[in-house]
């Protein structure tokens, strides 16, 4: 069982930056692929970014490519999402998710579908004002 707790959300003006963190419990963090998803009011949850368990692959939604960066710290069981040049359309609740990839080849491409992930955090609100 893995518990995920997001932090770092808040209110920022367009063009500004925010950093989100996701703290994962459990001793098998190193075998989990970690993802960030978001859901805006009245919209479906959408993929934002993912980092493979091996740190070999990262993937980004086209809407955030070049502005967001995902990274992970194995020693601290943390995943980060650094968000720059924020836009009003980035306003959403951001969720951290984990997928158990124990036994998976290090170069396997990580998934981007929310249904592939096993565990989810409670979410953190990001609001970008114009």
N, C-alpha and C. Protein backbone atom coordinates (compact mmCIF):
# COMPACT_ATOMS: atom_id res chain seq x y z
N UNK A 1 0.84 -1.18 0.00
CA UNK A 1 0.00 0.00 0.00
C UNK A 1 0.88 1.25 0.00
N UNK A 2 0.52 2.20 -0.81
CA UNK A 2 1.26 3.45 -0.91
C UNK A 2 0.31 4.60 -0.62
N UNK A 3 0.76 5.52 0.19
CA UNK A 3 0.00 6.75 0.44
C UNK A 3 0.73 7.92 -0.18
N UNK A 4 -0.02 8.77 -0.84
CA UNK A 4 0.55 9.91 -1.55
C UNK A 4 -0.05 11.19 -0.99
N UNK A 5 0.81 12.16 -0.71
CA UNK A 5 0.35 13.44 -0.18
C UNK A 5 0.98 14.56 -0.99
N UNK A 6 0.13 15.33 -1.66
CA UNK A 6 0.60 16.46 -2.45
C UNK A 6 0.68 17.72 -1.61
N UNK A 7 1.58 18.61 -2.02
CA UNK A 7 1.69 19.92 -1.38
C UNK A 7 2.28 20.91 -2.38
N UNK A 8 2.14 22.18 -2.04
CA UNK A 8 2.75 23.21 -2.87
C UNK A 8 1.80 23.99 -3.74
N UNK A 9 0.53 23.61 -3.75
CA UNK A 9 -0.42 24.36 -4.54
C UNK A 9 -0.67 25.74 -3.97
N UNK A 10 -1.36 26.58 -4.73
CA UNK A 10 -1.66 27.92 -4.26
C UNK A 10 -2.14 28.81 -5.37
N UNK A 11 -2.13 30.10 -5.08
CA UNK A 11 -2.58 31.11 -6.04
C UNK A 11 -1.36 31.83 -6.60
N UNK A 12 -1.32 31.96 -7.91
CA UNK A 12 -0.20 32.62 -8.56
C UNK A 12 -0.72 33.39 -9.77
N UNK A 13 -0.04 34.45 -10.12
CA UNK A 13 -0.43 35.21 -11.30
C UNK A 13 0.09 34.53 -12.56
N UNK A 14 -0.60 34.79 -13.64
CA UNK A 14 -0.16 34.25 -14.92
C UNK A 14 1.27 34.68 -15.20
N UNK A 15 2.05 33.73 -15.69
CA UNK A 15 3.46 33.98 -15.94
C UNK A 15 4.35 33.60 -14.78
N UNK A 16 3.74 33.31 -13.64
CA UNK A 16 4.50 32.95 -12.46
C UNK A 16 4.85 31.47 -12.41
N UNK A 17 5.41 31.07 -11.28
CA UNK A 17 5.87 29.68 -11.11
C UNK A 17 5.37 29.10 -9.79
N UNK A 18 5.23 27.80 -9.79
CA UNK A 18 4.89 27.05 -8.59
C UNK A 18 5.59 25.71 -8.65
N UNK A 19 5.87 25.17 -7.48
CA UNK A 19 6.45 23.83 -7.41
C UNK A 19 5.57 22.95 -6.55
N UNK A 20 5.17 21.83 -7.08
CA UNK A 20 4.38 20.86 -6.35
C UNK A 20 5.28 19.72 -5.89
N UNK A 21 4.94 19.16 -4.75
CA UNK A 21 5.65 18.00 -4.24
C UNK A 21 4.64 16.90 -3.94
N UNK A 22 5.09 15.68 -4.06
CA UNK A 22 4.27 14.52 -3.71
C UNK A 22 5.13 13.60 -2.85
N UNK A 23 4.71 13.42 -1.62
CA UNK A 23 5.43 12.55 -0.69
C UNK A 23 4.77 11.17 -0.71
N UNK A 24 5.58 10.16 -0.95
CA UNK A 24 5.08 8.79 -1.03
C UNK A 24 5.57 7.98 0.16
N UNK A 25 4.66 7.26 0.76
CA UNK A 25 5.04 6.37 1.86
C UNK A 25 5.44 5.02 1.29
N UNK A 26 6.03 4.18 2.12
CA UNK A 26 6.36 2.84 1.68
C UNK A 26 7.81 2.70 1.26
N UNK A 27 8.31 1.48 1.34
CA UNK A 27 9.72 1.23 1.06
C UNK A 27 9.99 0.88 -0.40
N UNK A 28 8.95 0.80 -1.22
CA UNK A 28 9.14 0.39 -2.60
C UNK A 28 8.96 1.54 -3.57
N UNK A 29 9.19 2.75 -3.10
CA UNK A 29 9.04 3.93 -3.96
C UNK A 29 9.87 3.79 -5.21
N UNK A 30 11.03 3.17 -5.10
CA UNK A 30 11.94 3.09 -6.24
C UNK A 30 11.39 2.24 -7.38
N UNK A 31 10.35 1.47 -7.14
CA UNK A 31 9.79 0.65 -8.21
C UNK A 31 8.45 1.20 -8.71
N UNK A 32 8.11 2.41 -8.31
CA UNK A 32 6.86 3.01 -8.74
C UNK A 32 7.10 4.08 -9.79
N UNK A 33 6.36 3.97 -10.87
CA UNK A 33 6.27 5.06 -11.83
C UNK A 33 5.32 6.09 -11.23
N UNK A 34 5.71 7.37 -11.33
CA UNK A 34 4.94 8.42 -10.69
C UNK A 34 4.41 9.41 -11.73
N UNK A 35 3.16 9.79 -11.56
CA UNK A 35 2.55 10.70 -12.51
C UNK A 35 1.85 11.86 -11.83
N UNK A 36 1.65 12.90 -12.62
CA UNK A 36 0.83 14.04 -12.21
C UNK A 36 -0.32 14.17 -13.19
N UNK A 37 -1.49 14.36 -12.63
CA UNK A 37 -2.70 14.59 -13.41
C UNK A 37 -3.39 15.83 -12.86
N UNK A 38 -4.33 16.36 -13.59
CA UNK A 38 -5.07 17.52 -13.09
C UNK A 38 -6.51 17.47 -13.57
N UNK A 39 -7.34 18.14 -12.81
CA UNK A 39 -8.75 18.22 -13.17
C UNK A 39 -9.25 19.63 -12.89
N UNK A 40 -9.70 20.28 -13.95
CA UNK A 40 -10.27 21.61 -13.84
C UNK A 40 -11.77 21.51 -13.63
N UNK A 41 -12.40 22.52 -13.07
CA UNK A 41 -13.85 22.47 -12.84
C UNK A 41 -14.61 22.21 -14.13
N UNK A 42 -15.49 21.23 -14.07
CA UNK A 42 -16.32 20.91 -15.21
C UNK A 42 -15.62 20.13 -16.31
N UNK A 43 -14.38 19.73 -16.06
CA UNK A 43 -13.63 19.00 -17.07
C UNK A 43 -13.18 17.65 -16.53
N UNK A 44 -12.81 16.78 -17.44
CA UNK A 44 -12.32 15.48 -17.04
C UNK A 44 -10.86 15.59 -16.58
N UNK A 45 -10.47 14.62 -15.80
CA UNK A 45 -9.08 14.54 -15.37
C UNK A 45 -8.19 14.34 -16.60
N UNK A 46 -7.05 15.01 -16.60
CA UNK A 46 -6.14 14.86 -17.74
C UNK A 46 -4.71 14.64 -17.27
N UNK A 47 -3.98 13.98 -18.11
CA UNK A 47 -2.56 13.70 -17.87
C UNK A 47 -1.75 14.98 -17.95
N UNK A 48 -0.77 15.12 -17.05
CA UNK A 48 0.15 16.25 -17.08
C UNK A 48 1.57 15.79 -17.37
N UNK A 49 2.06 14.86 -16.54
CA UNK A 49 3.44 14.42 -16.69
C UNK A 49 3.63 13.10 -15.96
N UNK A 50 4.66 12.37 -16.37
CA UNK A 50 4.98 11.10 -15.72
C UNK A 50 6.48 10.88 -15.76
N UNK A 51 6.98 10.20 -14.74
CA UNK A 51 8.40 9.84 -14.68
C UNK A 51 8.47 8.35 -14.35
N UNK A 52 9.25 7.62 -15.11
CA UNK A 52 9.30 6.18 -14.92
C UNK A 52 10.00 5.81 -13.62
N UNK A 53 9.76 4.58 -13.19
CA UNK A 53 10.34 4.12 -11.93
C UNK A 53 11.86 4.20 -11.95
N UNK A 54 12.44 4.01 -13.15
CA UNK A 54 13.89 4.00 -13.31
C UNK A 54 14.47 5.39 -13.54
N UNK A 55 13.60 6.40 -13.66
CA UNK A 55 14.02 7.76 -14.02
C UNK A 55 14.54 7.82 -15.44
N UNK A 56 14.29 6.80 -16.23
CA UNK A 56 14.80 6.74 -17.60
C UNK A 56 13.94 7.56 -18.56
N UNK A 57 12.64 7.58 -18.26
CA UNK A 57 11.69 8.25 -19.15
C UNK A 57 10.91 9.32 -18.40
N UNK A 58 10.69 10.45 -19.07
CA UNK A 58 9.69 11.40 -18.63
C UNK A 58 8.82 11.74 -19.83
N UNK A 59 7.57 12.00 -19.56
CA UNK A 59 6.63 12.36 -20.62
C UNK A 59 5.79 13.53 -20.14
N UNK A 60 5.37 14.35 -21.10
CA UNK A 60 4.59 15.54 -20.77
C UNK A 60 3.42 15.68 -21.74
N UNK A 61 2.35 16.24 -21.21
CA UNK A 61 1.25 16.64 -22.08
C UNK A 61 1.73 17.78 -22.97
N UNK A 62 1.22 17.84 -24.17
CA UNK A 62 1.63 18.90 -25.09
C UNK A 62 1.37 20.29 -24.50
N UNK A 63 0.32 20.41 -23.72
CA UNK A 63 -0.07 21.71 -23.18
C UNK A 63 0.92 22.25 -22.14
N UNK A 64 1.77 21.37 -21.58
CA UNK A 64 2.70 21.82 -20.55
C UNK A 64 4.15 21.64 -20.96
N UNK A 65 4.38 21.03 -22.10
CA UNK A 65 5.74 20.75 -22.55
C UNK A 65 6.52 22.06 -22.68
N UNK A 66 7.72 22.05 -22.13
CA UNK A 66 8.55 23.24 -22.17
C UNK A 66 8.31 24.19 -21.01
N UNK A 67 7.25 23.96 -20.26
CA UNK A 67 6.95 24.83 -19.11
C UNK A 67 7.03 24.08 -17.79
N UNK A 68 6.69 22.80 -17.80
CA UNK A 68 6.69 21.98 -16.59
C UNK A 68 7.84 20.99 -16.63
N UNK A 69 8.36 20.66 -15.45
CA UNK A 69 9.42 19.66 -15.33
C UNK A 69 9.10 18.74 -14.16
N UNK A 70 9.19 17.45 -14.42
CA UNK A 70 8.97 16.45 -13.37
C UNK A 70 10.32 15.86 -12.97
N UNK A 71 10.45 15.58 -11.69
CA UNK A 71 11.66 14.93 -11.21
C UNK A 71 11.31 14.14 -9.95
N UNK A 72 12.26 13.30 -9.52
CA UNK A 72 12.01 12.51 -8.32
C UNK A 72 13.27 12.40 -7.50
N UNK A 73 13.08 12.22 -6.21
CA UNK A 73 14.18 12.07 -5.25
C UNK A 73 13.96 10.73 -4.54
N UNK A 74 14.76 9.73 -4.90
CA UNK A 74 14.59 8.40 -4.33
C UNK A 74 14.88 8.38 -2.83
N UNK A 75 15.85 9.17 -2.41
CA UNK A 75 16.22 9.18 -1.01
C UNK A 75 15.14 9.74 -0.10
N UNK A 76 14.35 10.67 -0.65
CA UNK A 76 13.31 11.32 0.15
C UNK A 76 11.90 10.84 -0.20
N UNK A 77 11.80 9.91 -1.15
CA UNK A 77 10.48 9.43 -1.59
C UNK A 77 9.58 10.59 -2.04
N UNK A 78 10.16 11.47 -2.83
CA UNK A 78 9.43 12.64 -3.30
C UNK A 78 9.41 12.71 -4.82
N UNK A 79 8.32 13.22 -5.34
CA UNK A 79 8.21 13.55 -6.76
C UNK A 79 7.84 15.03 -6.83
N UNK A 80 8.45 15.72 -7.76
CA UNK A 80 8.22 17.15 -7.89
C UNK A 80 7.62 17.46 -9.27
N UNK A 81 6.88 18.54 -9.30
CA UNK A 81 6.43 19.11 -10.56
C UNK A 81 6.72 20.60 -10.51
N UNK A 82 7.71 21.01 -11.28
CA UNK A 82 8.08 22.42 -11.34
C UNK A 82 7.32 23.05 -12.50
N UNK A 83 6.56 24.09 -12.19
CA UNK A 83 5.68 24.70 -13.17
C UNK A 83 6.08 26.15 -13.39
N UNK A 84 6.45 26.46 -14.63
CA UNK A 84 6.86 27.81 -14.98
C UNK A 84 5.92 28.39 -16.02
N UNK A 85 5.97 29.71 -16.14
CA UNK A 85 5.14 30.41 -17.12
C UNK A 85 3.69 29.91 -17.07
N UNK A 86 3.14 29.92 -15.89
CA UNK A 86 1.80 29.40 -15.70
C UNK A 86 0.76 30.24 -16.42
N UNK A 87 -0.27 29.54 -16.91
CA UNK A 87 -1.36 30.18 -17.63
C UNK A 87 -2.67 29.95 -16.87
N UNK A 88 -3.64 30.77 -17.16
CA UNK A 88 -4.91 30.63 -16.46
C UNK A 88 -5.52 29.25 -16.70
N UNK A 89 -5.25 28.69 -17.87
CA UNK A 89 -5.79 27.37 -18.18
C UNK A 89 -5.10 26.23 -17.42
N UNK A 90 -4.06 26.55 -16.66
CA UNK A 90 -3.43 25.56 -15.80
C UNK A 90 -4.16 25.42 -14.47
N UNK A 91 -5.12 26.27 -14.23
CA UNK A 91 -5.90 26.20 -12.99
C UNK A 91 -6.61 24.87 -12.90
N UNK A 92 -6.38 24.15 -11.81
CA UNK A 92 -6.96 22.82 -11.63
C UNK A 92 -6.54 22.27 -10.27
N UNK A 93 -7.14 21.17 -9.91
CA UNK A 93 -6.63 20.37 -8.79
C UNK A 93 -5.63 19.40 -9.38
N UNK A 94 -4.44 19.37 -8.82
CA UNK A 94 -3.37 18.53 -9.31
C UNK A 94 -3.23 17.31 -8.41
N UNK A 95 -3.20 16.14 -9.05
CA UNK A 95 -3.12 14.87 -8.34
C UNK A 95 -1.83 14.15 -8.67
N UNK A 96 -1.26 13.56 -7.65
CA UNK A 96 -0.13 12.68 -7.80
C UNK A 96 -0.64 11.24 -7.86
N UNK A 97 0.00 10.41 -8.67
CA UNK A 97 -0.43 9.03 -8.81
C UNK A 97 0.79 8.12 -8.91
N UNK A 98 0.62 6.87 -8.49
CA UNK A 98 1.71 5.91 -8.51
C UNK A 98 1.26 4.60 -9.14
N UNK A 99 2.18 4.04 -9.93
CA UNK A 99 1.92 2.74 -10.55
C UNK A 99 3.05 1.79 -10.18
N UNK A 100 2.68 0.66 -9.63
CA UNK A 100 3.67 -0.34 -9.25
C UNK A 100 4.27 -0.97 -10.50
N UNK A 101 5.58 -0.81 -10.65
CA UNK A 101 6.24 -1.34 -11.84
C UNK A 101 7.35 -2.33 -11.46
N UNK A 102 7.14 -2.98 -10.34
CA UNK A 102 8.12 -3.98 -9.89
C UNK A 102 8.31 -5.04 -10.98
N UNK A 103 9.56 -5.29 -11.35
CA UNK A 103 9.86 -6.30 -12.36
C UNK A 103 9.81 -5.80 -13.79
N UNK A 104 9.50 -4.54 -13.97
CA UNK A 104 9.40 -3.96 -15.31
C UNK A 104 10.77 -3.53 -15.81
N UNK A 105 11.00 -3.71 -17.10
CA UNK A 105 12.27 -3.30 -17.69
C UNK A 105 12.48 -1.81 -17.49
N UNK A 106 13.74 -1.43 -17.23
CA UNK A 106 14.03 -0.03 -16.89
C UNK A 106 13.66 0.94 -18.01
N UNK A 107 13.67 0.46 -19.25
CA UNK A 107 13.41 1.35 -20.39
C UNK A 107 11.96 1.31 -20.88
N UNK A 108 11.11 0.64 -20.14
CA UNK A 108 9.70 0.58 -20.57
C UNK A 108 9.09 1.97 -20.50
N UNK A 109 8.34 2.32 -21.54
CA UNK A 109 7.72 3.63 -21.62
C UNK A 109 6.59 3.71 -20.59
N UNK A 110 6.59 4.71 -19.74
CA UNK A 110 5.56 4.80 -18.70
C UNK A 110 4.20 5.20 -19.29
N UNK A 111 3.13 4.80 -18.64
CA UNK A 111 1.79 5.09 -19.15
C UNK A 111 1.38 6.54 -18.90
N UNK A 112 0.38 6.98 -19.63
CA UNK A 112 -0.18 8.31 -19.43
C UNK A 112 -1.67 8.27 -19.13
N UNK A 113 -2.24 7.07 -19.12
CA UNK A 113 -3.66 6.93 -18.81
C UNK A 113 -3.85 6.79 -17.30
N UNK A 114 -4.76 7.57 -16.77
CA UNK A 114 -5.00 7.54 -15.34
C UNK A 114 -5.40 6.16 -14.84
N UNK A 115 -6.13 5.42 -15.67
CA UNK A 115 -6.57 4.10 -15.28
C UNK A 115 -5.46 3.11 -15.05
N UNK A 116 -4.27 3.42 -15.50
CA UNK A 116 -3.12 2.54 -15.33
C UNK A 116 -2.49 2.66 -13.95
N UNK A 117 -2.85 3.69 -13.22
CA UNK A 117 -2.19 3.96 -11.95
C UNK A 117 -2.96 3.34 -10.79
N UNK A 118 -2.18 2.91 -9.79
CA UNK A 118 -2.74 2.13 -8.69
C UNK A 118 -3.15 2.97 -7.49
N UNK A 119 -2.43 4.05 -7.25
CA UNK A 119 -2.65 4.86 -6.05
C UNK A 119 -2.73 6.33 -6.42
N UNK A 120 -3.53 7.06 -5.65
CA UNK A 120 -3.75 8.48 -5.91
C UNK A 120 -3.70 9.28 -4.61
N UNK A 121 -3.22 10.51 -4.74
CA UNK A 121 -3.27 11.44 -3.63
C UNK A 121 -4.60 12.16 -3.59
N UNK A 122 -4.73 13.04 -2.61
CA UNK A 122 -5.98 13.80 -2.42
C UNK A 122 -6.05 15.03 -3.31
N UNK A 123 -4.92 15.45 -3.82
CA UNK A 123 -4.91 16.60 -4.71
C UNK A 123 -4.54 17.90 -4.02
N UNK A 124 -4.02 18.82 -4.81
CA UNK A 124 -3.69 20.15 -4.32
C UNK A 124 -4.15 21.17 -5.36
N UNK A 125 -4.75 22.24 -4.89
CA UNK A 125 -5.34 23.22 -5.80
C UNK A 125 -4.27 24.19 -6.31
N UNK A 126 -4.28 24.40 -7.61
CA UNK A 126 -3.45 25.42 -8.25
C UNK A 126 -4.38 26.39 -8.97
N UNK A 127 -4.27 27.65 -8.62
CA UNK A 127 -5.10 28.67 -9.24
C UNK A 127 -4.21 29.72 -9.85
N UNK A 128 -4.39 29.96 -11.14
CA UNK A 128 -3.60 30.96 -11.85
C UNK A 128 -4.53 32.10 -12.25
N UNK A 129 -4.21 33.29 -11.75
CA UNK A 129 -5.05 34.46 -12.02
C UNK A 129 -4.47 35.27 -13.17
N UNK A 130 -5.34 35.96 -13.87
CA UNK A 130 -4.89 36.75 -15.02
C UNK A 130 -4.43 38.13 -14.59
